[in-house]
Amino acid sequence: MKKFVLLIYQGTTPLPGSDRWNAMPEAEQKAVYADYAALNKAPGVAPGLPLGKAEVARTVVVRDGKIEVAGGPHLAEGIGGYLVLEADDIEAAVALAARIPAARLGGAVEVRPAEQYW
């Protein structure tokens, strides 16, 4: 078994409490919650901690020994969440990534093999 990290990019995915979310039919909202709940219980899945909104993030860079702190995410889009999957191969991780609601609602999911560097 190998471990894979699935990084969830929200993109234009409607977030709960937003106007786009509130415009969605209630049945679709419930389906999104149910899909995430099912993913968190899928075999081999270790859900990541809930991440706060990207606009409250701080990005830290050290240049010439000086710390620079910028408000917001490093990438404009920001990461909405992540999970770790233990699976036989990357194809299984891709199949699980395709089930993540953000992948179909305006976001994307990046799948990376976990590596041991030290």
PDB file of N, CA and C in Angstrom:
ATOM      1  N   MET A   1       0.835  -1.187   0.000  1.00  0.00           N
ATOM      2  CA  MET A   1       0.000   0.000   0.000  1.00  0.00           C
ATOM      3  C   MET A   1       0.879   1.250   0.000  1.00  0.00           C
ATOM      4  N   LYS A   2       0.399   2.249  -0.689  1.00  0.00           N
ATOM      5  CA  LYS A   2       1.089   3.535  -0.761  1.00  0.00           C
ATOM      6  C   LYS A   2       0.160   4.607  -0.211  1.00  0.00           C
ATOM      7  N   LYS A   3       0.746   5.721   0.206  1.00  0.00           N
ATOM      8  CA  LYS A   3      -0.056   6.843   0.679  1.00  0.00           C
ATOM      9  C   LYS A   3      -0.052   7.943  -0.366  1.00  0.00           C
ATOM     10  N   PHE A   4      -1.215   8.563  -0.502  1.00  0.00           N
ATOM     11  CA  PHE A   4      -1.396   9.668  -1.433  1.00  0.00           C
ATOM     12  C   PHE A   4      -2.055  10.823  -0.691  1.00  0.00           C
ATOM     13  N   VAL A   5      -1.634  12.042  -1.016  1.00  0.00           N
ATOM     14  CA  VAL A   5      -2.253  13.238  -0.454  1.00  0.00           C
ATOM     15  C   VAL A   5      -3.116  13.837  -1.546  1.00  0.00           C
ATOM     16  N   LEU A   6      -4.374  14.082  -1.231  1.00  0.00           N
ATOM     17  CA  LEU A   6      -5.306  14.700  -2.167  1.00  0.00           C
ATOM     18  C   LEU A   6      -5.547  16.126  -1.695  1.00  0.00           C
ATOM     19  N   LEU A   7      -5.072  17.106  -2.467  1.00  0.00           N
ATOM     20  CA  LEU A   7      -5.222  18.523  -2.144  1.00  0.00           C
ATOM     21  C   LEU A   7      -6.459  19.046  -2.866  1.00  0.00           C
ATOM     22  N   ILE A   8      -7.388  19.587  -2.124  1.00  0.00           N
ATOM     23  CA  ILE A   8      -8.663  20.025  -2.687  1.00  0.00           C
ATOM     24  C   ILE A   8      -8.627  21.537  -2.878  1.00  0.00           C
ATOM     25  N   TYR A   9      -8.714  21.959  -4.129  1.00  0.00           N
ATOM     26  CA  TYR A   9      -8.773  23.370  -4.472  1.00  0.00           C
ATOM     27  C   TYR A   9     -10.236  23.742  -4.682  1.00  0.00           C
ATOM     28  N   GLN A  10     -10.719  24.722  -3.944  1.00  0.00           N
ATOM     29  CA  GLN A  10     -12.126  25.091  -4.029  1.00  0.00           C
ATOM     30  C   GLN A  10     -12.487  25.737  -5.356  1.00  0.00           C
ATOM     31  N   GLY A  11     -11.585  26.543  -5.928  1.00  0.00           N
ATOM     32  CA  GLY A  11     -11.916  27.224  -7.177  1.00  0.00           C
ATOM     33  C   GLY A  11     -13.198  28.022  -6.997  1.00  0.00           C
ATOM     34  N   THR A  12     -14.158  27.805  -7.871  1.00  0.00           N
ATOM     35  CA  THR A  12     -15.443  28.512  -7.779  1.00  0.00           C
ATOM     36  C   THR A  12     -16.513  27.666  -7.100  1.00  0.00           C
ATOM     37  N   THR A  13     -16.099  26.592  -6.433  1.00  0.00           N
ATOM     38  CA  THR A  13     -17.053  25.744  -5.730  1.00  0.00           C
ATOM     39  C   THR A  13     -17.812  26.584  -4.701  1.00  0.00           C
ATOM     40  N   PRO A  14     -19.136  26.511  -4.688  1.00  0.00           N
ATOM     41  CA  PRO A  14     -19.899  27.277  -3.697  1.00  0.00           C
ATOM     42  C   PRO A  14     -19.581  26.793  -2.273  1.00  0.00           C
ATOM     43  N   LEU A  15     -19.295  27.730  -1.387  1.00  0.00           N
ATOM     44  CA  LEU A  15     -19.020  27.400   0.007  1.00  0.00           C
ATOM     45  C   LEU A  15     -20.261  27.664   0.850  1.00  0.00           C
ATOM     46  N   PRO A  16     -20.509  26.816   1.846  1.00  0.00           N
ATOM     47  CA  PRO A  16     -21.665  27.043   2.708  1.00  0.00           C
ATOM     48  C   PRO A  16     -21.693  28.474   3.240  1.00  0.00           C
ATOM     49  N   GLY A  17     -22.870  29.070   3.183  1.00  0.00           N
ATOM     50  CA  GLY A  17     -23.053  30.441   3.637  1.00  0.00           C
ATOM     51  C   GLY A  17     -22.892  31.479   2.544  1.00  0.00           C
ATOM     52  N   SER A  18     -22.316  31.082   1.389  1.00  0.00           N
ATOM     53  CA  SER A  18     -22.146  32.044   0.294  1.00  0.00           C
ATOM     54  C   SER A  18     -23.448  32.176  -0.495  1.00  0.00           C
ATOM     55  N   ASP A  19     -23.555  33.222  -1.285  1.00  0.00           N
ATOM     56  CA  ASP A  19     -24.741  33.426  -2.123  1.00  0.00           C
ATOM     57  C   ASP A  19     -24.941  32.262  -3.086  1.00  0.00           C
ATOM     58  N   ARG A  20     -23.830  31.770  -3.677  1.00  0.00           N
ATOM     59  CA  ARG A  20     -23.946  30.644  -4.624  1.00  0.00           C
ATOM     60  C   ARG A  20     -24.434  29.385  -3.915  1.00  0.00           C
ATOM     61  N   TRP A  21     -23.958  29.173  -2.690  1.00  0.00           N
ATOM     62  CA  TRP A  21     -24.410  28.007  -1.924  1.00  0.00           C
ATOM     63  C   TRP A  21     -25.904  28.149  -1.612  1.00  0.00           C
ATOM     64  N   ASN A  22     -26.291  29.324  -1.139  1.00  0.00           N
ATOM     65  CA  ASN A  22     -27.685  29.555  -0.774  1.00  0.00           C
ATOM     66  C   ASN A  22     -28.621  29.436  -1.975  1.00  0.00           C
ATOM     67  N   ALA A  23     -28.095  29.655  -3.185  1.00  0.00           N
ATOM     68  CA  ALA A  23     -28.906  29.531  -4.392  1.00  0.00           C
ATOM     69  C   ALA A  23     -29.083  28.074  -4.828  1.00  0.00           C
ATOM     70  N   MET A  24     -28.265  27.174  -4.287  1.00  0.00           N
ATOM     71  CA  MET A  24     -28.375  25.752  -4.636  1.00  0.00           C
ATOM     72  C   MET A  24     -29.620  25.160  -3.979  1.00  0.00           C
ATOM     73  N   PRO A  25     -30.293  24.233  -4.658  1.00  0.00           N
ATOM     74  CA  PRO A  25     -31.416  23.548  -4.016  1.00  0.00           C
ATOM     75  C   PRO A  25     -30.942  22.832  -2.751  1.00  0.00           C
ATOM     76  N   GLU A  26     -31.796  22.785  -1.750  1.00  0.00           N
ATOM     77  CA  GLU A  26     -31.440  22.163  -0.476  1.00  0.00           C
ATOM     78  C   GLU A  26     -31.013  20.712  -0.661  1.00  0.00           C
ATOM     79  N   ALA A  27     -31.666  20.001  -1.582  1.00  0.00           N
ATOM     80  CA  ALA A  27     -31.309  18.600  -1.821  1.00  0.00           C
ATOM     81  C   ALA A  27     -29.870  18.484  -2.322  1.00  0.00           C
ATOM     82  N   GLU A  28     -29.440  19.433  -3.156  1.00  0.00           N
ATOM     83  CA  GLU A  28     -28.064  19.400  -3.665  1.00  0.00           C
ATOM     84  C   GLU A  28     -27.071  19.728  -2.549  1.00  0.00           C
ATOM     85  N   GLN A  29     -27.423  20.675  -1.680  1.00  0.00           N
ATOM     86  CA  GLN A  29     -26.565  20.991  -0.537  1.00  0.00           C
ATOM     87  C   GLN A  29     -26.378  19.754   0.343  1.00  0.00           C
ATOM     88  N   LYS A  30     -27.475  19.072   0.623  1.00  0.00           N
ATOM     89  CA  LYS A  30     -27.405  17.871   1.462  1.00  0.00           C
ATOM     90  C   LYS A  30     -26.583  16.785   0.784  1.00  0.00           C
ATOM     91  N   ALA A  31     -26.684  16.689  -0.544  1.00  0.00           N
ATOM     92  CA  ALA A  31     -25.908  15.687  -1.280  1.00  0.00           C
ATOM     93  C   ALA A  31     -24.409  15.973  -1.175  1.00  0.00           C
ATOM     94  N   VAL A  32     -24.029  17.246  -1.229  1.00  0.00           N
ATOM     95  CA  VAL A  32     -22.609  17.617  -1.097  1.00  0.00           C
ATOM     96  C   VAL A  32     -22.100  17.214   0.285  1.00  0.00           C
ATOM     97  N   TYR A  33     -22.852  17.549   1.336  1.00  0.00           N
ATOM     98  CA  TYR A  33     -22.452  17.154   2.690  1.00  0.00           C
ATOM     99  C   TYR A  33     -22.344  15.630   2.803  1.00  0.00           C
ATOM    100  N   ALA A  34     -23.306  14.928   2.234  1.00  0.00           N
ATOM    101  CA  ALA A  34     -23.306  13.459   2.293  1.00  0.00           C
ATOM    102  C   ALA A  34     -22.105  12.888   1.545  1.00  0.00           C
ATOM    103  N   ASP A  35     -21.768  13.489   0.401  1.00  0.00           N
ATOM    104  CA  ASP A  35     -20.613  13.019  -0.371  1.00  0.00           C
ATOM    105  C   ASP A  35     -19.323  13.165   0.435  1.00  0.00           C
ATOM    106  N   TYR A  36     -19.135  14.317   1.085  1.00  0.00           N
ATOM    107  CA  TYR A  36     -17.931  14.511   1.901  1.00  0.00           C
ATOM    108  C   TYR A  36     -17.917  13.553   3.089  1.00  0.00           C
ATOM    109  N   ALA A  37     -19.063  13.342   3.720  1.00  0.00           N
ATOM    110  CA  ALA A  37     -19.129  12.411   4.856  1.00  0.00           C
ATOM    111  C   ALA A  37     -18.759  11.001   4.416  1.00  0.00           C
ATOM    112  N   ALA A  38     -19.250  10.589   3.246  1.00  0.00           N
ATOM    113  CA  ALA A  38     -18.939   9.253   2.723  1.00  0.00           C
ATOM    114  C   ALA A  38     -17.451   9.131   2.398  1.00  0.00           C
ATOM    115  N   LEU A  39     -16.867  10.173   1.822  1.00  0.00           N
ATOM    116  CA  LEU A  39     -15.433  10.147   1.511  1.00  0.00           C
ATOM    117  C   LEU A  39     -14.611   9.988   2.782  1.00  0.00           C
ATOM    118  N   ASN A  40     -14.988  10.696   3.841  1.00  0.00           N
ATOM    119  CA  ASN A  40     -14.238  10.623   5.098  1.00  0.00           C
ATOM    120  C   ASN A  40     -14.299   9.242   5.738  1.00  0.00           C
ATOM    121  N   LYS A  41     -15.294   8.441   5.359  1.00  0.00           N
ATOM    122  CA  LYS A  41     -15.445   7.090   5.901  1.00  0.00           C
ATOM    123  C   LYS A  41     -14.959   6.012   4.927  1.00  0.00           C
ATOM    124  N   ALA A  42     -14.491   6.425   3.748  1.00  0.00           N
ATOM    125  CA  ALA A  42     -14.040   5.461   2.735  1.00  0.00           C
ATOM    126  C   ALA A  42     -12.809   4.708   3.250  1.00  0.00           C
ATOM    127  N   PRO A  43     -12.664   3.442   2.873  1.00  0.00           N
ATOM    128  CA  PRO A  43     -11.497   2.668   3.310  1.00  0.00           C
ATOM    129  C   PRO A  43     -10.190   3.348   2.895  1.00  0.00           C
ATOM    130  N   GLY A  44      -9.260   3.420   3.835  1.00  0.00           N
ATOM    131  CA  GLY A  44      -7.946   3.983   3.555  1.00  0.00           C
ATOM    132  C   GLY A  44      -7.857   5.488   3.677  1.00  0.00           C
ATOM    133  N   VAL A  45      -8.978   6.174   3.966  1.00  0.00           N
ATOM    134  CA  VAL A  45      -8.982   7.636   4.026  1.00  0.00           C
ATOM    135  C   VAL A  45      -8.733   8.121   5.454  1.00  0.00           C
ATOM    136  N   ALA A  46      -7.817   9.065   5.585  1.00  0.00           N
ATOM    137  CA  ALA A  46      -7.608   9.801   6.829  1.00  0.00           C
ATOM    138  C   ALA A  46      -7.912  11.260   6.504  1.00  0.00           C
ATOM    139  N   PRO A  47      -9.074  11.770   6.948  1.00  0.00           N
ATOM    140  CA  PRO A  47      -9.420  13.155   6.614  1.00  0.00           C
ATOM    141  C   PRO A  47      -8.427  14.133   7.223  1.00  0.00           C
ATOM    142  N   GLY A  48      -8.169  15.209   6.495  1.00  0.00           N
ATOM    143  CA  GLY A  48      -7.309  16.265   7.014  1.00  0.00           C
ATOM    144  C   GLY A  48      -8.081  17.148   7.969  1.00  0.00           C
ATOM    145  N   LEU A  49      -7.362  17.939   8.726  1.00  0.00           N
ATOM    146  CA  LEU A  49      -8.007  18.896   9.616  1.00  0.00           C
ATOM    147  C   LEU A  49      -8.777  19.919   8.789  1.00  0.00           C
ATOM    148  N   PRO A  50      -9.891  20.430   9.303  1.00  0.00           N
ATOM    149  CA  PRO A  50     -10.617  21.455   8.562  1.00  0.00           C
ATOM    150  C   PRO A  50      -9.758  22.718   8.450  1.00  0.00           C
ATOM    151  N   LEU A  51      -9.621  23.224   7.261  1.00  0.00           N
ATOM    152  CA  LEU A  51      -8.822  24.433   7.044  1.00  0.00           C
ATOM    153  C   LEU A  51      -9.714  25.662   7.080  1.00  0.00           C
ATOM    154  N   GLY A  52      -9.183  26.748   7.651  1.00  0.00           N
ATOM    155  CA  GLY A  52      -9.903  28.016   7.633  1.00  0.00           C
ATOM    156  C   GLY A  52      -9.918  28.600   6.232  1.00  0.00           C
ATOM    157  N   LYS A  53     -10.642  29.672   6.072  1.00  0.00           N
ATOM    158  CA  LYS A  53     -10.760  30.314   4.759  1.00  0.00           C
ATOM    159  C   LYS A  53      -9.420  30.890   4.317  1.00  0.00           C
ATOM    160  N   ALA A  54      -9.184  30.851   3.014  1.00  0.00           N
ATOM    161  CA  ALA A  54      -7.905  31.288   2.448  1.00  0.00           C
ATOM    162  C   ALA A  54      -7.591  32.743   2.775  1.00  0.00           C
ATOM    163  N   GLU A  55      -8.611  33.593   2.851  1.00  0.00           N
ATOM    164  CA  GLU A  55      -8.339  35.017   3.072  1.00  0.00           C
ATOM    165  C   GLU A  55      -7.765  35.323   4.460  1.00  0.00           C
ATOM    166  N   VAL A  56      -7.844  34.381   5.399  1.00  0.00           N
ATOM    167  CA  VAL A  56      -7.245  34.614   6.718  1.00  0.00           C
ATOM    168  C   VAL A  56      -5.882  33.936   6.852  1.00  0.00           C
ATOM    169  N   ALA A  57      -5.433  33.294   5.795  1.00  0.00           N
ATOM    170  CA  ALA A  57      -4.120  32.641   5.795  1.00  0.00           C
ATOM    171  C   ALA A  57      -3.004  33.690   5.802  1.00  0.00           C
ATOM    172  N   ARG A  58      -1.829  33.271   6.186  1.00  0.00           N
ATOM    173  CA  ARG A  58      -0.624  34.092   6.086  1.00  0.00           C
ATOM    174  C   ARG A  58       0.413  33.264   5.350  1.00  0.00           C
ATOM    175  N   THR A  59       1.089  33.903   4.398  1.00  0.00           N
ATOM    176  CA  THR A  59       2.141  33.236   3.642  1.00  0.00           C
ATOM    177  C   THR A  59       3.483  33.795   4.107  1.00  0.00           C
ATOM    178  N   VAL A  60       4.383  32.895   4.481  1.00  0.00           N
ATOM    179  CA  VAL A  60       5.681  33.289   5.026  1.00  0.00           C
ATOM    180  C   VAL A  60       6.778  32.910   4.038  1.00  0.00           C
ATOM    181  N   VAL A  61       7.627  33.878   3.747  1.00  0.00           N
ATOM    182  CA  VAL A  61       8.781  33.670   2.869  1.00  0.00           C
ATOM    183  C   VAL A  61       9.987  34.305   3.576  1.00  0.00           C
ATOM    184  N   VAL A  62      11.138  33.647   3.503  1.00  0.00           N
ATOM    185  CA  VAL A  62      12.362  34.218   4.048  1.00  0.00           C
ATOM    186  C   VAL A  62      13.275  34.533   2.873  1.00  0.00           C
ATOM    187  N   ARG A  63      13.608  35.810   2.730  1.00  0.00           N
ATOM    188  CA  ARG A  63      14.499  36.270   1.652  1.00  0.00           C
ATOM    189  C   ARG A  63      15.682  36.993   2.289  1.00  0.00           C
ATOM    190  N   ASP A  64      16.872  36.548   1.939  1.00  0.00           N
ATOM    191  CA  ASP A  64      18.096  37.153   2.482  1.00  0.00           C
ATOM    192  C   ASP A  64      18.041  37.231   4.001  1.00  0.00           C
ATOM    193  N   GLY A  65      17.500  36.191   4.626  1.00  0.00           N
ATOM    194  CA  GLY A  65      17.447  36.131   6.076  1.00  0.00           C
ATOM    195  C   GLY A  65      16.334  36.952   6.712  1.00  0.00           C
ATOM    196  N   LYS A  66      15.549  37.644   5.906  1.00  0.00           N
ATOM    197  CA  LYS A  66      14.467  38.484   6.436  1.00  0.00           C
ATOM    198  C   LYS A  66      13.125  37.792   6.209  1.00  0.00           C
ATOM    199  N   ILE A  67      12.296  37.785   7.246  1.00  0.00           N
ATOM    200  CA  ILE A  67      10.973  37.157   7.170  1.00  0.00           C
ATOM    201  C   ILE A  67       9.996  38.134   6.527  1.00  0.00           C
ATOM    202  N   GLU A  68       9.304  37.642   5.501  1.00  0.00           N
ATOM    203  CA  GLU A  68       8.252  38.425   4.853  1.00  0.00           C
ATOM    204  C   GLU A  68       6.940  37.674   5.045  1.00  0.00           C
ATOM    205  N   VAL A  69       5.926  38.394   5.506  1.00  0.00           N
ATOM    206  CA  VAL A  69       4.625  37.794   5.738  1.00  0.00           C
ATOM    207  C   VAL A  69       3.596  38.542   4.896  1.00  0.00           C
ATOM    208  N   ALA A  70       2.867  37.786   4.084  1.00  0.00           N
ATOM    209  CA  ALA A  70       1.817  38.375   3.254  1.00  0.00           C
ATOM    210  C   ALA A  70       0.475  37.796   3.680  1.00  0.00           C
ATOM    211  N   GLY A  71      -0.550  38.599   3.619  1.00  0.00           N
ATOM    212  CA  GLY A  71      -1.889  38.123   3.937  1.00  0.00           C
ATOM    213  C   GLY A  71      -2.435  37.294   2.795  1.00  0.00           C
ATOM    214  N   GLY A  72      -3.092  36.197   3.118  1.00  0.00           N
ATOM    215  CA  GLY A  72      -3.726  35.347   2.111  1.00  0.00           C
ATOM    216  C   GLY A  72      -2.884  34.135   1.767  1.00  0.00           C
ATOM    217  N   PRO A  73      -3.430  33.297   0.868  1.00  0.00           N
ATOM    218  CA  PRO A  73      -2.738  32.064   0.487  1.00  0.00           C
ATOM    219  C   PRO A  73      -1.570  32.345  -0.457  1.00  0.00           C
ATOM    220  N   HIS A  74      -0.660  31.396  -0.559  1.00  0.00           N
ATOM    221  CA  HIS A  74       0.483  31.523  -1.466  1.00  0.00           C
ATOM    222  C   HIS A  74       0.002  31.566  -2.911  1.00  0.00           C
ATOM    223  N   LEU A  75      -0.892  30.663  -3.257  1.00  0.00           N
ATOM    224  CA  LEU A  75      -1.487  30.656  -4.591  1.00  0.00           C
ATOM    225  C   LEU A  75      -2.838  31.336  -4.505  1.00  0.00           C
ATOM    226  N   ALA A  76      -3.197  32.100  -5.505  1.00  0.00           N
ATOM    227  CA  ALA A  76      -4.438  32.873  -5.469  1.00  0.00           C
ATOM    228  C   ALA A  76      -5.648  32.010  -5.158  1.00  0.00           C
ATOM    229  N   GLU A  77      -5.690  30.811  -5.706  1.00  0.00           N
ATOM    230  CA  GLU A  77      -6.853  29.945  -5.522  1.00  0.00           C
ATOM    231  C   GLU A  77      -6.946  29.392  -4.106  1.00  0.00           C
ATOM    232  N   GLY A  78      -5.836  29.070  -3.503  1.00  0.00           N
ATOM    233  CA  GLY A  78      -5.845  28.526  -2.155  1.00  0.00           C
ATOM    234  C   GLY A  78      -6.337  27.092  -2.091  1.00  0.00           C
ATOM    235  N   ILE A  79      -5.929  26.390  -1.059  1.00  0.00           N
ATOM    236  CA  ILE A  79      -6.347  25.010  -0.851  1.00  0.00           C
ATOM    237  C   ILE A  79      -7.522  25.016   0.114  1.00  0.00           C
ATOM    238  N   GLY A  80      -8.584  24.319  -0.252  1.00  0.00           N
ATOM    239  CA  GLY A  80      -9.768  24.257   0.592  1.00  0.00           C
ATOM    240  C   GLY A  80      -9.704  23.143   1.609  1.00  0.00           C
ATOM    241  N   GLY A  81      -8.889  22.138   1.367  1.00  0.00           N
ATOM    242  CA  GLY A  81      -8.780  21.016   2.282  1.00  0.00           C
ATOM    243  C   GLY A  81      -7.878  19.951   1.709  1.00  0.00           C
ATOM    244  N   TYR A  82      -7.746  18.862   2.440  1.00  0.00           N
ATOM    245  CA  TYR A  82      -6.904  17.755   1.991  1.00  0.00           C
ATOM    246  C   TYR A  82      -7.337  16.496   2.711  1.00  0.00           C
ATOM    247  N   LEU A  83      -6.908  15.379   2.183  1.00  0.00           N
ATOM    248  CA  LEU A  83      -7.056  14.105   2.884  1.00  0.00           C
ATOM    249  C   LEU A  83      -5.901  13.221   2.468  1.00  0.00           C
ATOM    250  N   VAL A  84      -5.652  12.205   3.272  1.00  0.00           N
ATOM    251  CA  VAL A  84      -4.603  11.238   2.969  1.00  0.00           C
ATOM    252  C   VAL A  84      -5.281   9.908   2.708  1.00  0.00           C
ATOM    253  N   LEU A  85      -4.885   9.269   1.634  1.00  0.00           N
ATOM    254  CA  LEU A  85      -5.464   7.990   1.241  1.00  0.00           C
ATOM    255  C   LEU A  85      -4.377   6.934   1.181  1.00  0.00           C
ATOM    256  N   GLU A  86      -4.637   5.799   1.781  1.00  0.00           N
ATOM    257  CA  GLU A  86      -3.751   4.649   1.636  1.00  0.00           C
ATOM    258  C   GLU A  86      -4.414   3.723   0.626  1.00  0.00           C
ATOM    259  N   ALA A  87      -3.716   3.500  -0.501  1.00  0.00           N
ATOM    260  CA  ALA A  87      -4.294   2.718  -1.594  1.00  0.00           C
ATOM    261  C   ALA A  87      -3.192   1.957  -2.324  1.00  0.00           C
ATOM    262  N   ASP A  88      -3.607   1.040  -3.183  1.00  0.00           N
ATOM    263  CA  ASP A  88      -2.650   0.231  -3.932  1.00  0.00           C
ATOM    264  C   ASP A  88      -1.873   1.036  -4.972  1.00  0.00           C
ATOM    265  N   ASP A  89      -2.549   1.998  -5.613  1.00  0.00           N
ATOM    266  CA  ASP A  89      -1.899   2.726  -6.701  1.00  0.00           C
ATOM    267  C   ASP A  89      -2.551   4.083  -6.913  1.00  0.00           C
ATOM    268  N   ILE A  90      -1.922   4.886  -7.765  1.00  0.00           N
ATOM    269  CA  ILE A  90      -2.413   6.240  -8.005  1.00  0.00           C
ATOM    270  C   ILE A  90      -3.773   6.236  -8.708  1.00  0.00           C
ATOM    271  N   GLU A  91      -4.066   5.190  -9.471  1.00  0.00           N
ATOM    272  CA  GLU A  91      -5.366   5.117 -10.133  1.00  0.00           C
ATOM    273  C   GLU A  91      -6.491   5.065  -9.110  1.00  0.00           C
ATOM    274  N   ALA A  92      -6.288   4.366  -7.998  1.00  0.00           N
ATOM    275  CA  ALA A  92      -7.287   4.321  -6.933  1.00  0.00           C
ATOM    276  C   ALA A  92      -7.450   5.704  -6.300  1.00  0.00           C
ATOM    277  N   ALA A  93      -6.339   6.424  -6.150  1.00  0.00           N
ATOM    278  CA  ALA A  93      -6.407   7.779  -5.594  1.00  0.00           C
ATOM    279  C   ALA A  93      -7.136   8.724  -6.540  1.00  0.00           C
ATOM    280  N   VAL A  94      -6.894   8.585  -7.833  1.00  0.00           N
ATOM    281  CA  VAL A  94      -7.590   9.411  -8.828  1.00  0.00           C
ATOM    282  C   VAL A  94      -9.088   9.116  -8.805  1.00  0.00           C
ATOM    283  N   ALA A  95      -9.445   7.849  -8.680  1.00  0.00           N
ATOM    284  CA  ALA A  95     -10.863   7.477  -8.629  1.00  0.00           C
ATOM    285  C   ALA A  95     -11.538   8.110  -7.409  1.00  0.00           C
ATOM    286  N   LEU A  96     -10.856   8.109  -6.263  1.00  0.00           N
ATOM    287  CA  LEU A  96     -11.432   8.740  -5.080  1.00  0.00           C
ATOM    288  C   LEU A  96     -11.505  10.253  -5.275  1.00  0.00           C
ATOM    289  N   ALA A  97     -10.479  10.846  -5.853  1.00  0.00           N
ATOM    290  CA  ALA A  97     -10.470  12.297  -6.094  1.00  0.00           C
ATOM    291  C   ALA A  97     -11.658  12.721  -6.946  1.00  0.00           C
ATOM    292  N   ALA A  98     -12.043  11.885  -7.894  1.00  0.00           N
ATOM    293  CA  ALA A  98     -13.171  12.213  -8.771  1.00  0.00           C
ATOM    294  C   ALA A  98     -14.491  12.248  -8.006  1.00  0.00           C
ATOM    295  N   ARG A  99     -14.539  11.634  -6.831  1.00  0.00           N
ATOM    296  CA  ARG A  99     -15.757  11.635  -6.009  1.00  0.00           C
ATOM    297  C   ARG A  99     -15.865  12.870  -5.122  1.00  0.00           C
ATOM    298  N   ILE A 100     -14.819  13.668  -5.024  1.00  0.00           N
ATOM    299  CA  ILE A 100     -14.826  14.855  -4.171  1.00  0.00           C
ATOM    300  C   ILE A 100     -15.676  15.934  -4.845  1.00  0.00           C
ATOM    301  N   PRO A 101     -16.706  16.438  -4.155  1.00  0.00           N
ATOM    302  CA  PRO A 101     -17.607  17.402  -4.778  1.00  0.00           C
ATOM    303  C   PRO A 101     -16.921  18.605  -5.422  1.00  0.00           C
ATOM    304  N   ALA A 102     -15.859  19.124  -4.816  1.00  0.00           N
ATOM    305  CA  ALA A 102     -15.175  20.284  -5.396  1.00  0.00           C
ATOM    306  C   ALA A 102     -14.697  20.013  -6.819  1.00  0.00           C
ATOM    307  N   ALA A 103     -14.368  18.761  -7.123  1.00  0.00           N
ATOM    308  CA  ALA A 103     -13.873  18.420  -8.463  1.00  0.00           C
ATOM    309  C   ALA A 103     -14.935  18.627  -9.535  1.00  0.00           C
ATOM    310  N   ARG A 104     -16.206  18.556  -9.158  1.00  0.00           N
ATOM    311  CA  ARG A 104     -17.285  18.729 -10.138  1.00  0.00           C
ATOM    312  C   ARG A 104     -18.022  20.051 -10.023  1.00  0.00           C
ATOM    313  N   LEU A 105     -17.713  20.812  -8.957  1.00  0.00           N
ATOM    314  CA  LEU A 105     -18.460  22.041  -8.706  1.00  0.00           C
ATOM    315  C   LEU A 105     -17.644  23.310  -8.933  1.00  0.00           C
ATOM    316  N   GLY A 106     -16.537  23.212  -9.663  1.00  0.00           N
ATOM    317  CA  GLY A 106     -15.759  24.403  -9.986  1.00  0.00           C
ATOM    318  C   GLY A 106     -14.348  24.417  -9.429  1.00  0.00           C
ATOM    319  N   GLY A 107     -13.980  23.372  -8.705  1.00  0.00           N
ATOM    320  CA  GLY A 107     -12.630  23.296  -8.149  1.00  0.00           C
ATOM    321  C   GLY A 107     -11.822  22.218  -8.834  1.00  0.00           C
ATOM    322  N   ALA A 108     -10.851  21.691  -8.138  1.00  0.00           N
ATOM    323  CA  ALA A 108      -9.989  20.634  -8.670  1.00  0.00           C
ATOM    324  C   ALA A 108      -9.375  19.883  -7.501  1.00  0.00           C
ATOM    325  N   VAL A 109      -8.867  18.693  -7.765  1.00  0.00           N
ATOM    326  CA  VAL A 109      -8.187  17.909  -6.745  1.00  0.00           C
ATOM    327  C   VAL A 109      -6.842  17.468  -7.309  1.00  0.00           C
ATOM    328  N   GLU A 110      -5.781  17.805  -6.602  1.00  0.00           N
ATOM    329  CA  GLU A 110      -4.425  17.405  -6.987  1.00  0.00           C
ATOM    330  C   GLU A 110      -4.063  16.164  -6.180  1.00  0.00           C
ATOM    331  N   VAL A 111      -3.597  15.126  -6.857  1.00  0.00           N
ATOM    332  CA  VAL A 111      -3.219  13.874  -6.210  1.00  0.00           C
ATOM    333  C   VAL A 111      -1.699  13.757  -6.249  1.00  0.00           C
ATOM    334  N   ARG A 112      -1.099  13.580  -5.076  1.00  0.00           N
ATOM    335  CA  ARG A 112       0.357  13.428  -5.004  1.00  0.00           C
ATOM    336  C   ARG A 112       0.711  12.213  -4.175  1.00  0.00           C
ATOM    337  N   PRO A 113       1.657  11.423  -4.651  1.00  0.00           N
ATOM    338  CA  PRO A 113       2.158  10.330  -3.805  1.00  0.00           C
ATOM    339  C   PRO A 113       2.904  10.940  -2.616  1.00  0.00           C
ATOM    340  N   ALA A 114       2.714  10.362  -1.440  1.00  0.00           N
ATOM    341  CA  ALA A 114       3.492  10.782  -0.272  1.00  0.00           C
ATOM    342  C   ALA A 114       4.880  10.164  -0.407  1.00  0.00           C
ATOM    343  N   GLU A 115       5.901  10.919  -0.068  1.00  0.00           N
ATOM    344  CA  GLU A 115       7.278  10.456  -0.200  1.00  0.00           C
ATOM    345  C   GLU A 115       8.017  10.592   1.124  1.00  0.00           C
ATOM    346  N   GLN A 116       8.983   9.752   1.344  1.00  0.00           N
ATOM    347  CA  GLN A 116       9.853   9.822   2.510  1.00  0.00           C
ATOM    348  C   GLN A 116      11.184  10.377   2.041  1.00  0.00           C
ATOM    349  N   TYR A 117      11.540  11.577   2.500  1.00  0.00           N
ATOM    350  CA  TYR A 117      12.782  12.199   2.060  1.00  0.00           C
ATOM    351  C   TYR A 117      13.886  12.124   3.090  1.00  0.00           C
ATOM    352  N   TRP A 118      13.570  11.794   4.316  1.00  0.00           N
ATOM    353  CA  TRP A 118      14.597  11.760   5.369  1.00  0.00           C
ATOM    354  C   TRP A 118      14.411  10.558   6.224  1.00  0.00           C
TER     355      TRP A 118
END
